[in-house]
Amino acid sequence: MGAAARIASKDLKLRIRDRSAFIIGIFAPLALAFIFNVVFGGAFSGDLELEYGIVDLDGGEVAQAFDEVLTQIESDGLFTLSRYDGAAEAEAAIEADEIAAFFLLGEGLSDAVIEGTSADLSVVGDIDAQTSTQIAASIAEQFGAGVSSTQLAVITAFALLDGPPPEESASWGQEAAARGASYSLVDVSAETRQLDGTTYFAAGMAVFFLFFTVQFGVVGLLEEERDGTLARLLAAPISRTSIVGGKALLSFALGVISMTVLVVATQLLMGADWGPPAGVFLLIVTGVLSAVAIMGLVASVARTPDGAGNLGAIIAVTLGLLGGVFFPVGQGDDFLSKLSYLTPHAWFMRGLGDLSGGAEWTAALPAAAAIMAFALVFGVAAWILLKRRLNR
């Protein structure tokens, strides 16, 4: 282990003087994270500021009940509600970006509901605010479903009456329509959490360039083979395990240093929220190990340093794109979403997502275990092939 540490220390000094590791490992990901955050950060933000409007052209009991429902939801802080006298005024508010959508309650809505006939409650939204509009539409649909179920209950009650309906039954439809318009606010925990835009791009660029950074160590073995210095190492009283271990140790050190600097820098300069330090460090260590293992396997099968660099770049870009470091890949349980978990990048991003929102550091353990599996599988293969290459 002492010989491996000395080899890693010597190579680390050379890389520091070369400065290329600083550019690839720190400056490039930091600059791209800043650019992506400025350009696309708002699109990936998990915070929605919902602003809606309502146009009540009916004024009846059902319309008033729906207004009360919206007022109750507004009081819970889920959105802000503005009232308009007509549809044209509300549409102008959408054009001015004052609201994202508005509810249109047409004339005769309450009478139609009480009489048991069909009635329309419209939602008009901004084409550029589809998420907000869909949320508004869901609220309207839920209200309509409640009213429909109430109508069905009243009709069933009339059908079961033996004889003529009592005098007070005339108000049943009206009262039921108004009382049936209720809602419940439930806190539902998502299975997968989403990082905020700033942290997403900071983490994505960090793990993406990590695979280029660790290449400096494992590809250095091929450079020494090309330059003839590897033959001297093999002739010295140094085991082949120490030689391979020294290069792997250099890659690991470069990866941990670059990732740690990026975590601190993006947190201080960009406001990224990485989560509990212990969990983040665990993800960094396992992520670096997987990157060293994969790039080590690339170096073991490449013939030249240039070939290893090119092949490594192709693999790094492919894994990065599939792992969702530039933008979320797939939705829910679709095939592409499942395929992304064949990369350590996706597990790294998921681990950080699990740490978000005040979770304990132990929330990163499942993702870290998956990343470690990549490191073990590819690491064992790379170790065997590199040692066999030195025995030729």
Foldseek 3Di string as FASTA:
>chain_A
DVLLQVLLVVLLVVCVVVCPLCVLLAVVLLVQLVVLCVVCQVVQAPDDAAEEEEEAAAPDLLVVLLVVQVVVVVVVVPYHYYYDHDPVVRVVCQVVVVHFKYKYAHHPQLVCLLVVHDGDIDIGGDPVPVVSSVVVVVLVVVQVVLSNVLSVVLVVVCVPDDDDDDPVSSCSSVVSSSVSRHDDDDDDDDPFFGFRSSQLLLLLSNLLSLLVSLLSLLLVCQVCVVVVVVVVVVVDPDDPLSVNSSSLVSSLVSQLVSSVVSVVCSCVPVVGDQADPVLLSLLSNLSSLLSSLQLLLLSLPDNHSVSSSVVSNVVSVVLSVLLASSHDWDDDPDPSNVVNLVHLSVLSSRLSRQRPPPDDSCSSVVSSVSSNVSSVVSNVNSSVSSSVVSVD
